């Protein structure tokens, strides 16, 4: 990912890997698609939101925001993941 308008965000792979780095083992990579078609991108985006909810992130975007690469919503999502990660680090101290 080069910036918040990077076309590769729409595949969902970056965000899925980021979620897995925040909470190792939470992603079932057998459910992740290549994101090469519109349908695969939608499936990945829905899975991203599902995982984020599962680990306790506040979600302010919908799957279409990921597929359509809405930069402000992607930034908000990443901020939510950052907050989750910081809270997790505090809990483990």
PDB file of N, CA and C in Angstrom:
ATOM      1  N   UNK A   1       0.851  -1.173   0.000  1.00  0.00           N
ATOM      2  CA  UNK A   1       0.000   0.000   0.000  1.00  0.00           C
ATOM      3  C   UNK A   1       0.897   1.236   0.000  1.00  0.00           C
ATOM      4  N   UNK A   2       0.705   2.064  -1.003  1.00  0.00           N
ATOM      5  CA  UNK A   2       1.498   3.287  -1.099  1.00  0.00           C
ATOM      6  C   UNK A   2       0.807   4.466  -0.419  1.00  0.00           C
ATOM      7  N   UNK A   3      -0.523   4.525  -0.540  1.00  0.00           N
ATOM      8  CA  UNK A   3      -1.294   5.606   0.074  1.00  0.00           C
ATOM      9  C   UNK A   3      -2.730   5.123   0.255  1.00  0.00           C
ATOM     10  N   UNK A   4      -3.580   5.979   0.781  1.00  0.00           N
ATOM     11  CA  UNK A   4      -4.950   5.568   1.078  1.00  0.00           C
ATOM     12  C   UNK A   4      -5.851   5.491  -0.152  1.00  0.00           C
ATOM     13  N   UNK A   5      -5.312   5.773  -1.312  1.00  0.00           N
ATOM     14  CA  UNK A   5      -6.067   5.625  -2.551  1.00  0.00           C
ATOM     15  C   UNK A   5      -5.472   4.540  -3.447  1.00  0.00           C
ATOM     16  N   UNK A   6      -4.574   3.764  -2.888  1.00  0.00           N
ATOM     17  CA  UNK A   6      -3.910   2.690  -3.622  1.00  0.00           C
ATOM     18  C   UNK A   6      -4.935   1.654  -4.076  1.00  0.00           C
ATOM     19  N   UNK A   7      -4.918   1.317  -5.349  1.00  0.00           N
ATOM     20  CA  UNK A   7      -5.873   0.372  -5.925  1.00  0.00           C
ATOM     21  C   UNK A   7      -5.796  -1.019  -5.290  1.00  0.00           C
ATOM     22  N   UNK A   8      -4.643  -1.384  -4.744  1.00  0.00           N
ATOM     23  CA  UNK A   8      -4.504  -2.719  -4.161  1.00  0.00           C
ATOM     24  C   UNK A   8      -5.327  -2.883  -2.890  1.00  0.00           C
ATOM     25  N   UNK A   9      -5.755  -1.801  -2.277  1.00  0.00           N
ATOM     26  CA  UNK A   9      -6.580  -1.897  -1.069  1.00  0.00           C
ATOM     27  C   UNK A   9      -7.884  -2.610  -1.371  1.00  0.00           C
ATOM     28  N   UNK A  10      -8.409  -2.422  -2.551  1.00  0.00           N
ATOM     29  CA  UNK A  10      -9.718  -2.990  -2.890  1.00  0.00           C
ATOM     30  C   UNK A  10      -9.735  -4.521  -2.865  1.00  0.00           C
ATOM     31  N   UNK A  11      -8.580  -5.173  -3.011  1.00  0.00           N
ATOM     32  CA  UNK A  11      -8.552  -6.638  -2.951  1.00  0.00           C
ATOM     33  C   UNK A  11      -8.743  -7.141  -1.524  1.00  0.00           C
ATOM     34  N   UNK A  12      -8.407  -6.307  -0.559  1.00  0.00           N
ATOM     35  CA  UNK A  12      -8.561  -6.661   0.845  1.00  0.00           C
ATOM     36  C   UNK A  12      -7.372  -7.369   1.455  1.00  0.00           C
ATOM     37  N   UNK A  13      -6.419  -7.787   0.655  1.00  0.00           N
ATOM     38  CA  UNK A  13      -5.298  -8.566   1.169  1.00  0.00           C
ATOM     39  C   UNK A  13      -4.478  -7.804   2.203  1.00  0.00           C
ATOM     40  N   UNK A  14      -4.208  -6.532   1.957  1.00  0.00           N
ATOM     41  CA  UNK A  14      -3.430  -5.726   2.902  1.00  0.00           C
ATOM     42  C   UNK A  14      -4.140  -5.641   4.250  1.00  0.00           C
ATOM     43  N   UNK A  15      -5.434  -5.345   4.225  1.00  0.00           N
ATOM     44  CA  UNK A  15      -6.180  -5.188   5.467  1.00  0.00           C
ATOM     45  C   UNK A  15      -6.322  -6.517   6.203  1.00  0.00           C
ATOM     46  N   UNK A  16      -6.460  -7.603   5.466  1.00  0.00           N
ATOM     47  CA  UNK A  16      -6.531  -8.921   6.097  1.00  0.00           C
ATOM     48  C   UNK A  16      -5.216  -9.246   6.792  1.00  0.00           C
ATOM     49  N   UNK A  17      -4.108  -8.988   6.119  1.00  0.00           N
ATOM     50  CA  UNK A  17      -2.804  -9.235   6.735  1.00  0.00           C
ATOM     51  C   UNK A  17      -2.586  -8.333   7.952  1.00  0.00           C
ATOM     52  N   UNK A  18      -3.059  -7.110   7.874  1.00  0.00           N
ATOM     53  CA  UNK A  18      -2.938  -6.183   8.991  1.00  0.00           C
ATOM     54  C   UNK A  18      -3.743  -6.677  10.193  1.00  0.00           C
ATOM     55  N   UNK A  19      -4.953  -7.148   9.954  1.00  0.00           N
ATOM     56  CA  UNK A  19      -5.759  -7.722  11.035  1.00  0.00           C
ATOM     57  C   UNK A  19      -5.058  -8.920  11.660  1.00  0.00           C
ATOM     58  N   UNK A  20      -4.468  -9.760  10.835  1.00  0.00           N
ATOM     59  CA  UNK A  20      -3.774 -10.934  11.356  1.00  0.00           C
ATOM     60  C   UNK A  20      -2.546 -10.542  12.169  1.00  0.00           C
ATOM     61  N   UNK A  21      -1.916  -9.427  11.825  1.00  0.00           N
ATOM     62  CA  UNK A  21      -0.757  -8.990  12.607  1.00  0.00           C
ATOM     63  C   UNK A  21      -1.193  -8.372  13.940  1.00  0.00           C
ATOM     64  N   UNK A  22      -2.379  -7.775  13.973  1.00  0.00           N
ATOM     65  CA  UNK A  22      -2.900  -7.218  15.224  1.00  0.00           C
ATOM     66  C   UNK A  22      -3.368  -8.309  16.177  1.00  0.00           C
ATOM     67  N   UNK A  23      -3.930  -9.358  15.631  1.00  0.00           N
ATOM     68  CA  UNK A  23      -4.454 -10.484  16.420  1.00  0.00           C
ATOM     69  C   UNK A  23      -4.080 -11.779  15.689  1.00  0.00           C
ATOM     70  N   UNK A  24      -2.854 -12.260  15.922  1.00  0.00           N
ATOM     71  CA  UNK A  24      -2.374 -13.445  15.196  1.00  0.00           C
ATOM     72  C   UNK A  24      -3.319 -14.641  15.326  1.00  0.00           C
ATOM     73  N   UNK A  25      -3.572 -15.268  14.191  1.00  0.00           N
ATOM     74  CA  UNK A  25      -4.403 -16.456  14.159  1.00  0.00           C
ATOM     75  C   UNK A  25      -5.883 -16.201  13.966  1.00  0.00           C
ATOM     76  N   UNK A  26      -6.296 -14.937  13.952  1.00  0.00           N
ATOM     77  CA  UNK A  26      -7.724 -14.630  13.830  1.00  0.00           C
ATOM     78  C   UNK A  26      -8.234 -14.834  12.402  1.00  0.00           C
ATOM     79  N   UNK A  27      -7.360 -14.755  11.432  1.00  0.00           N
ATOM     80  CA  UNK A  27      -7.754 -14.882  10.030  1.00  0.00           C
ATOM     81  C   UNK A  27      -7.672 -16.339   9.594  1.00  0.00           C
ATOM     82  N   UNK A  28      -8.738 -16.816   8.995  1.00  0.00           N
ATOM     83  CA  UNK A  28      -8.744 -18.129   8.364  1.00  0.00           C
ATOM     84  C   UNK A  28      -8.446 -17.883   6.884  1.00  0.00           C
ATOM     85  N   UNK A  29      -7.207 -18.090   6.493  1.00  0.00           N
ATOM     86  CA  UNK A  29      -6.796 -17.764   5.130  1.00  0.00           C
ATOM     87  C   UNK A  29      -7.457 -18.654   4.073  1.00  0.00           C
ATOM     88  N   UNK A  30      -8.102 -19.720   4.486  1.00  0.00           N
ATOM     89  CA  UNK A  30      -8.845 -20.539   3.533  1.00  0.00           C
ATOM     90  C   UNK A  30     -10.091 -19.808   3.031  1.00  0.00           C
ATOM     91  N   UNK A  31     -10.552 -18.816   3.785  1.00  0.00           N
ATOM     92  CA  UNK A  31     -11.724 -18.035   3.388  1.00  0.00           C
ATOM     93  C   UNK A  31     -11.367 -16.799   2.572  1.00  0.00           C
ATOM     94  N   UNK A  32     -10.089 -16.487   2.471  1.00  0.00           N
ATOM     95  CA  UNK A  32      -9.636 -15.300   1.747  1.00  0.00           C
ATOM     96  C   UNK A  32      -9.496 -15.633   0.265  1.00  0.00           C
ATOM     97  N   UNK A  33     -10.054 -14.761  -0.577  1.00  0.00           N
ATOM     98  CA  UNK A  33      -9.959 -14.951  -2.024  1.00  0.00           C
ATOM     99  C   UNK A  33      -8.832 -14.091  -2.587  1.00  0.00           C
ATOM    100  N   UNK A  34      -8.544 -14.269  -3.857  1.00  0.00           N
ATOM    101  CA  UNK A  34      -7.486 -13.483  -4.508  1.00  0.00           C
ATOM    102  C   UNK A  34      -7.893 -12.034  -4.713  1.00  0.00           C
ATOM    103  N   UNK A  35      -9.175 -11.763  -4.714  1.00  0.00           N
ATOM    104  CA  UNK A  35      -9.636 -10.392  -4.916  1.00  0.00           C
ATOM    105  C   UNK A  35      -9.492  -9.924  -6.347  1.00  0.00           C
ATOM    106  N   UNK A  36      -9.533 -10.861  -7.284  1.00  0.00           N
ATOM    107  CA  UNK A  36      -9.348 -10.487  -8.687  1.00  0.00           C
ATOM    108  C   UNK A  36     -10.649 -10.087  -9.382  1.00  0.00           C
ATOM    109  N   UNK A  37     -11.779 -10.461  -8.808  1.00  0.00           N
ATOM    110  CA  UNK A  37     -13.071 -10.066  -9.388  1.00  0.00           C
ATOM    111  C   UNK A  37     -13.831  -9.208  -8.379  1.00  0.00           C
ATOM    112  N   UNK A  38     -14.868  -8.554  -8.849  1.00  0.00           N
ATOM    113  CA  UNK A  38     -15.680  -7.718  -7.964  1.00  0.00           C
ATOM    114  C   UNK A  38     -16.306  -8.552  -6.844  1.00  0.00           C
ATOM    115  N   UNK A  39     -16.736  -9.763  -7.177  1.00  0.00           N
ATOM    116  CA  UNK A  39     -17.339 -10.641  -6.172  1.00  0.00           C
ATOM    117  C   UNK A  39     -16.322 -11.060  -5.108  1.00  0.00           C
ATOM    118  N   UNK A  40     -15.110 -11.387  -5.526  1.00  0.00           N
ATOM    119  CA  UNK A  40     -14.057 -11.771  -4.580  1.00  0.00           C
ATOM    120  C   UNK A  40     -13.675 -10.601  -3.682  1.00  0.00           C
ATOM    121  N   UNK A  41     -13.605  -9.405  -4.253  1.00  0.00           N
ATOM    122  CA  UNK A  41     -13.305  -8.214  -3.454  1.00  0.00           C
ATOM    123  C   UNK A  41     -14.377  -7.988  -2.398  1.00  0.00           C
ATOM    124  N   UNK A  42     -15.628  -8.169  -2.781  1.00  0.00           N
ATOM    125  CA  UNK A  42     -16.741  -7.998  -1.837  1.00  0.00           C
ATOM    126  C   UNK A  42     -16.654  -9.031  -0.717  1.00  0.00           C
ATOM    127  N   UNK A  43     -16.351 -10.274  -1.057  1.00  0.00           N
ATOM    128  CA  UNK A  43     -16.223 -11.309  -0.039  1.00  0.00           C
ATOM    129  C   UNK A  43     -15.104 -10.989   0.949  1.00  0.00           C
ATOM    130  N   UNK A  44     -13.972 -10.559   0.439  1.00  0.00           N
ATOM    131  CA  UNK A  44     -12.857 -10.195   1.313  1.00  0.00           C
ATOM    132  C   UNK A  44     -13.213  -9.009   2.204  1.00  0.00           C
ATOM    133  N   UNK A  45     -13.857  -8.002   1.630  1.00  0.00           N
ATOM    134  CA  UNK A  45     -14.223  -6.818   2.404  1.00  0.00           C
ATOM    135  C   UNK A  45     -15.208  -7.169   3.520  1.00  0.00           C
ATOM    136  N   UNK A  46     -16.161  -8.014   3.221  1.00  0.00           N
ATOM    137  CA  UNK A  46     -17.115  -8.456   4.249  1.00  0.00           C
ATOM    138  C   UNK A  46     -16.400  -9.250   5.334  1.00  0.00           C
ATOM    139  N   UNK A  47     -15.448 -10.063   4.935  1.00  0.00           N
ATOM    140  CA  UNK A  47     -14.676 -10.846   5.900  1.00  0.00           C
ATOM    141  C   UNK A  47     -13.831  -9.933   6.786  1.00  0.00           C
ATOM    142  N   UNK A  48     -13.266  -8.889   6.214  1.00  0.00           N
ATOM    143  CA  UNK A  48     -12.474  -7.921   6.983  1.00  0.00           C
ATOM    144  C   UNK A  48     -13.315  -7.307   8.090  1.00  0.00           C
ATOM    145  N   UNK A  49     -14.499  -6.873   7.747  1.00  0.00           N
ATOM    146  CA  UNK A  49     -15.383  -6.252   8.738  1.00  0.00           C
ATOM    147  C   UNK A  49     -15.784  -7.274   9.800  1.00  0.00           C
ATOM    148  N   UNK A  50     -16.043  -8.486   9.389  1.00  0.00           N
ATOM    149  CA  UNK A  50     -16.410  -9.544  10.328  1.00  0.00           C
ATOM    150  C   UNK A  50     -15.283  -9.804  11.336  1.00  0.00           C
ATOM    151  N   UNK A  51     -14.072  -9.897  10.843  1.00  0.00           N
ATOM    152  CA  UNK A  51     -12.926 -10.144  11.724  1.00  0.00           C
ATOM    153  C   UNK A  51     -12.730  -8.975  12.682  1.00  0.00           C
ATOM    154  N   UNK A  52     -12.804  -7.761  12.154  1.00  0.00           N
ATOM    155  CA  UNK A  52     -12.602  -6.575  12.996  1.00  0.00           C
ATOM    156  C   UNK A  52     -13.638  -6.529  14.121  1.00  0.00           C
ATOM    157  N   UNK A  53     -14.869  -6.848  13.803  1.00  0.00           N
ATOM    158  CA  UNK A  53     -15.906  -6.903  14.847  1.00  0.00           C
ATOM    159  C   UNK A  53     -15.597  -8.003  15.856  1.00  0.00           C
ATOM    160  N   UNK A  54     -15.143  -9.136  15.365  1.00  0.00           N
ATOM    161  CA  UNK A  54     -14.848 -10.279  16.224  1.00  0.00           C
ATOM    162  C   UNK A  54     -13.783  -9.937  17.263  1.00  0.00           C
ATOM    163  N   UNK A  55     -12.776  -9.182  16.878  1.00  0.00           N
ATOM    164  CA  UNK A  55     -11.704  -8.858  17.819  1.00  0.00           C
ATOM    165  C   UNK A  55     -12.027  -7.639  18.676  1.00  0.00           C
ATOM    166  N   UNK A  56     -13.127  -6.956  18.372  1.00  0.00           N
ATOM    167  CA  UNK A  56     -13.570  -5.863  19.231  1.00  0.00           C
ATOM    168  C   UNK A  56     -13.286  -4.460  18.736  1.00  0.00           C
ATOM    169  N   UNK A  57     -13.007  -4.305  17.456  1.00  0.00           N
ATOM    170  CA  UNK A  57     -12.781  -2.968  16.894  1.00  0.00           C
ATOM    171  C   UNK A  57     -14.116  -2.266  16.658  1.00  0.00           C
ATOM    172  N   UNK A  58     -14.093  -0.958  16.804  1.00  0.00           N
ATOM    173  CA  UNK A  58     -15.242  -0.165  16.408  1.00  0.00           C
ATOM    174  C   UNK A  58     -15.202  -0.016  14.894  1.00  0.00           C
ATOM    175  N   UNK A  59     -16.321  -0.254  14.252  1.00  0.00           N
ATOM    176  CA  UNK A  59     -16.380  -0.231  12.793  1.00  0.00           C
ATOM    177  C   UNK A  59     -17.261   0.934  12.345  1.00  0.00           C
ATOM    178  N   UNK A  60     -16.697   1.775  11.493  1.00  0.00           N
ATOM    179  CA  UNK A  60     -17.411   2.941  10.982  1.00  0.00           C
ATOM    180  C   UNK A  60     -17.589   2.890   9.469  1.00  0.00           C
ATOM    181  N   UNK A  61     -17.167   1.795   8.856  1.00  0.00           N
ATOM    182  CA  UNK A  61     -17.271   1.701   7.406  1.00  0.00           C
ATOM    183  C   UNK A  61     -18.068   0.472   7.014  1.00  0.00           C
ATOM    184  N   UNK A  62     -18.485   0.444   5.784  1.00  0.00           N
ATOM    185  CA  UNK A  62     -19.174  -0.716   5.229  1.00  0.00           C
ATOM    186  C   UNK A  62     -18.257  -1.346   4.184  1.00  0.00           C
ATOM    187  N   UNK A  63     -18.589  -2.562   3.771  1.00  0.00           N
ATOM    188  CA  UNK A  63     -17.686  -3.266   2.865  1.00  0.00           C
ATOM    189  C   UNK A  63     -17.489  -2.523   1.547  1.00  0.00           C
ATOM    190  N   UNK A  64     -18.501  -1.781   1.118  1.00  0.00           N
ATOM    191  CA  UNK A  64     -18.373  -1.018  -0.126  1.00  0.00           C
ATOM    192  C   UNK A  64     -17.278   0.045  -0.030  1.00  0.00           C
ATOM    193  N   UNK A  65     -17.069   0.581   1.163  1.00  0.00           N
ATOM    194  CA  UNK A  65     -16.023   1.589   1.350  1.00  0.00           C
ATOM    195  C   UNK A  65     -14.642   1.009   1.062  1.00  0.00           C
ATOM    196  N   UNK A  66     -14.455  -0.251   1.380  1.00  0.00           N
ATOM    197  CA  UNK A  66     -13.171  -0.911   1.112  1.00  0.00           C
ATOM    198  C   UNK A  66     -13.018  -1.165  -0.384  1.00  0.00           C
ATOM    199  N   UNK A  67     -14.040  -1.728  -0.994  1.00  0.00           N
ATOM    200  CA  UNK A  67     -13.986  -2.064  -2.419  1.00  0.00           C
ATOM    201  C   UNK A  67     -13.842  -0.805  -3.277  1.00  0.00           C
ATOM    202  N   UNK A  68     -14.528   0.257  -2.889  1.00  0.00           N
ATOM    203  CA  UNK A  68     -14.474   1.506  -3.647  1.00  0.00           C
ATOM    204  C   UNK A  68     -13.304   2.398  -3.234  1.00  0.00           C
ATOM    205  N   UNK A  69     -12.518   1.953  -2.297  1.00  0.00           N
ATOM    206  CA  UNK A  69     -11.317   2.644  -1.809  1.00  0.00           C
ATOM    207  C   UNK A  69     -11.641   4.079  -1.369  1.00  0.00           C
ATOM    208  N   UNK A  70     -12.525   4.210  -0.436  1.00  0.00           N
ATOM    209  CA  UNK A  70     -12.843   5.517   0.136  1.00  0.00           C
ATOM    210  C   UNK A  70     -11.787   5.827   1.190  1.00  0.00           C
ATOM    211  N   UNK A  71     -10.854   6.688   0.813  1.00  0.00           N
ATOM    212  CA  UNK A  71      -9.647   6.941   1.602  1.00  0.00           C
ATOM    213  C   UNK A  71      -9.948   7.353   3.036  1.00  0.00           C
ATOM    214  N   UNK A  72     -10.909   8.230   3.237  1.00  0.00           N
ATOM    215  CA  UNK A  72     -11.208   8.686   4.598  1.00  0.00           C
ATOM    216  C   UNK A  72     -11.731   7.549   5.465  1.00  0.00           C
ATOM    217  N   UNK A  73     -12.528   6.681   4.887  1.00  0.00           N
ATOM    218  CA  UNK A  73     -13.070   5.558   5.644  1.00  0.00           C
ATOM    219  C   UNK A  73     -11.982   4.514   5.925  1.00  0.00           C
ATOM    220  N   UNK A  74     -11.073   4.318   4.985  1.00  0.00           N
ATOM    221  CA  UNK A  74      -9.944   3.404   5.197  1.00  0.00           C
ATOM    222  C   UNK A  74      -9.075   3.935   6.330  1.00  0.00           C
ATOM    223  N   UNK A  75      -8.825   5.230   6.332  1.00  0.00           N
ATOM    224  CA  UNK A  75      -8.036   5.855   7.400  1.00  0.00           C
ATOM    225  C   UNK A  75      -8.719   5.656   8.748  1.00  0.00           C
ATOM    226  N   UNK A  76     -10.025   5.841   8.803  1.00  0.00           N
ATOM    227  CA  UNK A  76     -10.776   5.646  10.037  1.00  0.00           C
ATOM    228  C   UNK A  76     -10.676   4.195  10.506  1.00  0.00           C
ATOM    229  N   UNK A  77     -10.768   3.264   9.578  1.00  0.00           N
ATOM    230  CA  UNK A  77     -10.646   1.846   9.918  1.00  0.00           C
ATOM    231  C   UNK A  77      -9.261   1.547  10.490  1.00  0.00           C
ATOM    232  N   UNK A  78      -8.224   2.072   9.860  1.00  0.00           N
ATOM    233  CA  UNK A  78      -6.867   1.845  10.350  1.00  0.00           C
ATOM    234  C   UNK A  78      -6.659   2.471  11.722  1.00  0.00           C
ATOM    235  N   UNK A  79      -7.282   3.613  11.962  1.00  0.00           N
ATOM    236  CA  UNK A  79      -7.195   4.242  13.280  1.00  0.00           C
ATOM    237  C   UNK A  79      -7.861   3.346  14.330  1.00  0.00           C
ATOM    238  N   UNK A  80      -8.962   2.726  13.982  1.00  0.00           N
ATOM    239  CA  UNK A  80      -9.639   1.807  14.888  1.00  0.00           C
ATOM    240  C   UNK A  80      -8.758   0.596  15.194  1.00  0.00           C
ATOM    241  N   UNK A  81      -8.073   0.084  14.191  1.00  0.00           N
ATOM    242  CA  UNK A  81      -7.151  -1.027  14.409  1.00  0.00           C
ATOM    243  C   UNK A  81      -5.975  -0.607  15.288  1.00  0.00           C
ATOM    244  N   UNK A  82      -5.508   0.603  15.082  1.00  0.00           N
ATOM    245  CA  UNK A  82      -4.408   1.126  15.898  1.00  0.00           C
ATOM    246  C   UNK A  82      -4.831   1.228  17.364  1.00  0.00           C
ATOM    247  N   UNK A  83      -6.036   1.728  17.595  1.00  0.00           N
ATOM    248  CA  UNK A  83      -6.571   1.836  18.954  1.00  0.00           C
ATOM    249  C   UNK A  83      -6.701   0.450  19.579  1.00  0.00           C
ATOM    250  N   UNK A  84      -7.203  -0.510  18.828  1.00  0.00           N
ATOM    251  CA  UNK A  84      -7.312  -1.877  19.317  1.00  0.00           C
ATOM    252  C   UNK A  84      -5.936  -2.399  19.718  1.00  0.00           C
ATOM    253  N   UNK A  85      -4.957  -2.187  18.871  1.00  0.00           N
ATOM    254  CA  UNK A  85      -3.612  -2.674  19.119  1.00  0.00           C
ATOM    255  C   UNK A  85      -3.005  -2.029  20.365  1.00  0.00           C
ATOM    256  N   UNK A  86      -3.214  -0.729  20.530  1.00  0.00           N
ATOM    257  CA  UNK A  86      -2.710  -0.037  21.727  1.00  0.00           C
ATOM    258  C   UNK A  86      -3.379  -0.551  22.995  1.00  0.00           C
ATOM    259  N   UNK A  87      -4.687  -0.732  22.940  1.00  0.00           N
ATOM    260  CA  UNK A  87      -5.413  -1.252  24.099  1.00  0.00           C
ATOM    261  C   UNK A  87      -4.951  -2.662  24.451  1.00  0.00           C
ATOM    262  N   UNK A  88      -4.701  -3.467  23.433  1.00  0.00           N
ATOM    263  CA  UNK A  88      -4.223  -4.840  23.655  1.00  0.00           C
ATOM    264  C   UNK A  88      -2.850  -4.819  24.319  1.00  0.00           C
ATOM    265  N   UNK A  89      -1.978  -3.916  23.887  1.00  0.00           N
ATOM    266  CA  UNK A  89      -0.643  -3.807  24.475  1.00  0.00           C
ATOM    267  C   UNK A  89      -0.743  -3.386  25.937  1.00  0.00           C
ATOM    268  N   UNK A  90      -1.652  -2.501  26.250  1.00  0.00           N
ATOM    269  CA  UNK A  90      -1.821  -2.068  27.639  1.00  0.00           C
ATOM    270  C   UNK A  90      -2.341  -3.197  28.516  1.00  0.00           C
ATOM    271  N   UNK A  91      -3.229  -4.014  27.971  1.00  0.00           N
ATOM    272  CA  UNK A  91      -3.799  -5.124  28.747  1.00  0.00           C
ATOM    273  C   UNK A  91      -2.760  -6.190  29.059  1.00  0.00           C
ATOM    274  N   UNK A  92      -1.760  -6.341  28.213  1.00  0.00           N
ATOM    275  CA  UNK A  92      -0.774  -7.390  28.412  1.00  0.00           C
ATOM    276  C   UNK A  92       0.363  -6.961  29.332  1.00  0.00           C
ATOM    277  N   UNK A  93       0.412  -5.687  29.694  1.00  0.00           N
ATOM    278  CA  UNK A  93       1.497  -5.205  30.585  1.00  0.00           C
ATOM    279  C   UNK A  93       1.216  -5.561  32.011  1.00  0.00           C
TER     280      UNK A  93
END
